[in-house]
Amino acid sequence: MKAKIIVFDLDDTLYNELDYLISAYKEISEYLSETLINQISKEKIFEEMYSLYDLKKNVFFEILEKYNIKDITVEDLLRYYRNHIPQIKLENSVENLLNYLKEKENKLGIITDGRSVQQRNKITSLNIEKYFENIIISEEFGSEKPDLKNFQFFEKLYPECEYVYIGDNVKKDFFAGNLLGWTTICVLDNGKNIHKQKFNFDKEYLPNYRINNLEEVLNIIEK
């Protein structure tokens, strides 16, 4: 039996990115409340920011305009958002799955797009680095999904294996794996995905399997 190389996306796959957004908004709300000399509570600012997010508004621009804050820019808040240490954690079921896969001596990896500091902070806060032999972050690696190079890295490192990729973004997560003959698995939106999940793409972009949660992965890879 060939060894299995199981590679995961990060955001909205191993955890809900909405939790990251909430974590950032809470820290930014506290920062803005202090800037306003506590005239407005951090809880109220957070509620307003989250409401703006729900309305698909430019959250940082709108909140700065509302309170007439001139010495902080949208770019400042974006940097805060991207560089904060998030208060996020794995679901118990995901942690159990990763432990099980490691116990079965599978090789695990991550391919994720994003800025190095931002993605590394997420990985550290989730305490998941211990599970993964290799972590590919687009800013560090020099290419983004669906570039084949990100996937071929694992094929070169672990030749003659079975390869699995698990993600959520149909636009970019499965195209390369499909071309290379990987098993591709999509975790369906549980209602908390940051970006709307769409399946109106050509066949080569679509995953081989769709699952409601990561626990269902075992039904596919252990056939």
Protein backbone atom coordinates (compact mmCIF):
# COMPACT_ATOMS: atom_id res chain seq x y z
CA MET A 1 0.00 0.00 0.00
CA LYS A 2 1.31 3.44 -0.95
CA ALA A 3 1.97 5.97 1.77
CA LYS A 4 -0.56 8.79 1.99
CA ILE A 5 0.38 12.46 1.88
CA ILE A 6 -2.55 14.49 3.24
CA VAL A 7 -2.36 18.24 2.66
CA PHE A 8 -4.79 20.79 4.07
CA ASP A 9 -5.78 24.33 3.30
CA LEU A 10 -5.83 26.51 6.43
CA ASP A 11 -8.56 29.17 6.43
CA ASP A 12 -12.14 27.84 6.49
CA THR A 13 -10.77 24.31 6.37
CA LEU A 14 -8.89 23.59 9.58
CA TYR A 15 -10.73 26.39 11.40
CA ASN A 16 -13.34 29.05 10.58
CA GLU A 17 -11.74 32.26 9.36
CA LEU A 18 -14.70 34.15 10.81
CA ASP A 19 -13.21 33.39 14.23
CA TYR A 20 -10.03 35.17 13.14
CA LEU A 21 -12.05 38.18 11.98
CA ILE A 22 -13.91 38.32 15.29
CA SER A 23 -10.64 38.10 17.20
CA ALA A 24 -9.18 40.99 15.20
CA TYR A 25 -12.30 43.12 15.50
CA LYS A 26 -12.29 42.68 19.28
CA GLU A 27 -8.68 43.85 19.57
CA ILE A 28 -9.25 46.75 17.20
CA SER A 29 -12.41 47.74 19.09
CA GLU A 30 -10.45 47.89 22.33
CA TYR A 31 -7.73 49.95 20.64
CA LEU A 32 -10.28 52.41 19.21
CA SER A 33 -12.12 52.65 22.52
CA GLU A 34 -8.87 53.64 24.23
CA THR A 35 -8.16 56.14 21.46
CA LEU A 36 -11.54 57.72 22.15
CA ILE A 37 -10.56 57.90 25.84
CA ASN A 38 -13.18 55.28 26.64
CA GLN A 39 -16.05 57.53 25.53
CA ILE A 40 -17.40 54.55 23.60
CA SER A 41 -17.13 51.04 25.00
CA LYS A 42 -15.13 48.43 23.15
CA GLU A 43 -18.26 46.23 23.13
CA LYS A 44 -20.29 48.87 21.32
CA ILE A 45 -17.54 49.49 18.75
CA PHE A 46 -17.23 45.74 18.15
CA GLU A 47 -20.99 45.40 17.59
CA GLU A 48 -20.91 48.29 15.12
CA MET A 49 -17.94 46.83 13.24
CA TYR A 50 -19.54 43.41 13.03
CA SER A 51 -22.81 44.92 11.80
CA LEU A 52 -20.90 46.78 9.10
CA TYR A 53 -19.22 43.50 8.13
CA ASP A 54 -22.63 41.80 7.87
CA LEU A 55 -23.76 44.64 5.62
CA LYS A 56 -20.65 44.13 3.45
CA LYS A 57 -19.48 47.68 4.11
CA ASN A 58 -15.91 48.97 4.22
CA VAL A 59 -15.72 48.37 7.97
CA PHE A 60 -12.57 50.28 8.84
CA PHE A 61 -13.40 53.29 6.68
CA GLU A 62 -16.93 53.51 8.06
CA ILE A 63 -15.94 53.22 11.73
CA LEU A 64 -13.20 55.85 11.43
CA GLU A 65 -15.61 58.18 9.65
CA LYS A 66 -18.37 57.69 12.22
CA TYR A 67 -16.15 58.68 15.13
CA ASN A 68 -14.22 61.28 13.16
CA ILE A 69 -10.88 59.66 13.98
CA LYS A 70 -8.23 61.45 11.95
CA ASP A 71 -4.94 60.20 13.38
CA ILE A 72 -5.63 56.54 12.51
CA THR A 73 -5.97 55.39 8.89
CA VAL A 74 -7.66 52.43 7.24
CA GLU A 75 -4.16 51.14 6.43
CA ASP A 76 -3.27 51.30 10.14
CA LEU A 77 -6.26 49.13 11.01
CA LEU A 78 -5.51 46.72 8.19
CA ARG A 79 -2.00 46.25 9.56
CA TYR A 80 -3.47 45.69 13.01
CA TYR A 81 -5.88 43.13 11.54
CA ARG A 82 -3.17 41.23 9.69
CA ASN A 83 -0.52 41.26 12.41
CA HIS A 84 -2.50 40.68 15.60
CA ILE A 85 -2.09 37.45 17.57
CA PRO A 86 -5.48 35.81 17.09
CA GLN A 87 -7.57 34.20 19.79
CA ILE A 88 -8.55 31.10 17.80
CA LYS A 89 -8.48 27.38 18.48
CA LEU A 90 -9.13 24.04 16.80
CA GLU A 91 -12.42 22.26 17.21
CA ASN A 92 -11.94 19.08 19.27
CA SER A 93 -13.04 16.97 16.31
CA VAL A 94 -10.33 18.51 14.09
CA GLU A 95 -7.67 17.98 16.74
CA ASN A 96 -8.80 14.36 17.13
CA LEU A 97 -8.59 13.85 13.36
CA LEU A 98 -5.06 15.26 13.13
CA ASN A 99 -3.92 13.12 16.04
CA TYR A 100 -5.44 10.03 14.43
CA LEU A 101 -3.83 10.73 11.05
CA LYS A 102 -0.43 11.18 12.69
CA GLU A 103 -0.83 7.98 14.70
CA LYS A 104 -1.47 6.16 11.43
CA GLU A 105 1.92 7.51 10.21
CA ASN A 106 0.51 9.64 7.41
CA LYS A 107 2.58 12.62 6.30
CA LEU A 108 0.63 15.86 6.75
CA GLY A 109 1.12 19.26 5.13
CA ILE A 110 -0.47 22.65 4.61
CA ILE A 111 -0.75 24.76 1.46
CA THR A 112 -2.19 28.18 2.26
CA ASP A 113 -2.23 31.53 0.48
CA GLY A 114 -1.50 34.69 2.41
CA ARG A 115 1.07 36.84 4.15
CA SER A 116 3.74 35.03 6.13
CA VAL A 117 3.26 36.84 9.46
CA GLN A 118 -0.53 36.58 9.31
CA GLN A 119 -0.62 32.87 8.46
CA ARG A 120 2.17 31.99 10.91
CA ASN A 121 0.33 33.77 13.71
CA LYS A 122 -2.76 31.69 12.94
CA ILE A 123 -0.77 28.46 12.91
CA THR A 124 0.91 29.33 16.22
CA SER A 125 -2.37 30.28 17.90
CA LEU A 126 -4.01 27.07 16.71
CA ASN A 127 -0.99 25.11 18.02
CA ILE A 128 -0.91 22.90 14.93
CA GLU A 129 2.66 23.15 13.70
CA LYS A 130 3.46 19.89 15.53
CA TYR A 131 1.17 17.96 13.18
CA PHE A 132 2.67 19.06 9.86
CA GLU A 133 5.97 18.08 8.27
CA ASN A 134 5.73 20.86 5.70
CA ILE A 135 3.83 24.15 5.59
CA ILE A 136 3.66 26.09 2.32
CA ILE A 137 2.64 29.76 2.67
CA SER A 138 2.35 31.59 -0.65
CA GLU A 139 4.33 34.70 0.38
CA GLU A 140 7.21 32.53 1.57
CA PHE A 141 7.02 30.02 -1.28
CA GLY A 142 6.67 32.58 -4.07
CA SER A 143 3.51 31.30 -5.75
CA GLU A 144 -0.18 31.01 -4.94
CA LYS A 145 -2.76 28.33 -5.62
CA PRO A 146 -3.66 27.04 -8.12
CA ASP A 147 0.01 27.02 -9.23
CA LEU A 148 1.15 23.43 -9.69
CA LYS A 149 4.51 24.15 -8.01
CA ASN A 150 2.88 24.36 -4.58
CA PHE A 151 1.57 20.80 -5.00
CA GLN A 152 4.55 19.39 -6.88
CA PHE A 153 6.68 20.30 -3.85
CA PHE A 154 5.05 17.41 -2.00
CA GLU A 155 5.33 15.04 -4.95
CA LYS A 156 9.07 15.68 -5.19
CA LEU A 157 9.55 15.36 -1.45
CA TYR A 158 7.44 12.20 -1.18
CA PRO A 159 7.51 10.37 -4.53
CA GLU A 160 5.39 7.34 -5.35
CA CYS A 161 2.69 8.16 -2.79
CA GLU A 162 -1.04 8.79 -2.74
CA TYR A 163 -1.80 12.50 -2.43
CA VAL A 164 -4.87 14.14 -0.92
CA TYR A 165 -5.76 17.83 -0.77
CA ILE A 166 -8.52 19.16 1.49
CA GLY A 167 -9.75 22.73 1.06
CA ASP A 168 -12.82 24.91 0.65
CA ASN A 169 -12.21 27.42 -2.16
CA VAL A 170 -13.40 25.93 -5.45
CA LYS A 171 -11.84 28.76 -7.46
CA LYS A 172 -8.28 27.78 -6.53
CA ASP A 173 -7.99 24.82 -4.15
CA PHE A 174 -8.58 21.80 -6.37
CA PHE A 175 -7.45 22.68 -9.92
CA ALA A 176 -3.77 21.77 -9.48
CA GLY A 177 -4.50 18.63 -7.50
CA ASN A 178 -6.98 17.46 -10.12
CA LEU A 179 -4.43 17.96 -12.91
CA LEU A 180 -1.83 16.00 -10.94
CA GLY A 181 -4.17 13.14 -10.08
CA TRP A 182 -4.59 13.93 -6.39
CA THR A 183 -7.73 13.08 -4.45
CA THR A 184 -9.41 16.45 -3.85
CA ILE A 185 -11.91 17.02 -1.05
CA CYS A 186 -13.99 20.14 -0.37
CA VAL A 187 -15.23 21.03 3.12
CA LEU A 188 -18.65 22.61 2.60
CA ASP A 189 -19.46 26.00 4.10
CA ASN A 190 -20.96 25.58 7.58
CA GLY A 191 -22.41 29.09 7.43
CA LYS A 192 -19.29 30.76 8.82
CA ASN A 193 -17.10 31.02 5.72
CA ILE A 194 -15.68 34.48 5.04
CA HIS A 195 -16.02 34.05 1.28
CA LYS A 196 -19.13 32.67 -0.39
CA GLN A 197 -18.59 29.14 -1.67
CA LYS A 198 -19.45 28.69 -5.33
CA PHE A 199 -19.41 25.59 -7.53
CA ASN A 200 -20.19 27.22 -10.89
CA PHE A 201 -16.76 26.43 -12.33
CA ASP A 202 -15.52 24.11 -15.07
CA LYS A 203 -15.15 20.44 -14.13
CA GLU A 204 -11.38 20.61 -13.65
CA TYR A 205 -11.87 23.06 -10.76
CA LEU A 206 -14.37 20.90 -8.90
CA PRO A 207 -13.38 18.58 -6.04
CA ASN A 208 -13.68 14.81 -6.27
CA TYR A 209 -15.62 14.78 -2.99
CA ARG A 210 -17.66 17.17 -0.87
CA ILE A 211 -17.92 16.72 2.90
CA ASN A 212 -19.80 18.53 5.66
CA ASN A 213 -17.00 18.30 8.21
CA LEU A 214 -13.42 17.08 8.43
CA GLU A 215 -14.35 13.91 10.30
CA GLU A 216 -15.83 12.62 7.03
CA VAL A 217 -12.34 12.63 5.47
CA LEU A 218 -11.71 9.20 6.96
CA ASN A 219 -14.62 7.75 4.98
CA ILE A 220 -12.73 8.71 1.80
CA ILE A 221 -9.07 8.12 2.54
CA GLU A 222 -9.56 4.82 4.36
CA LYS A 223 -11.64 3.12 1.65
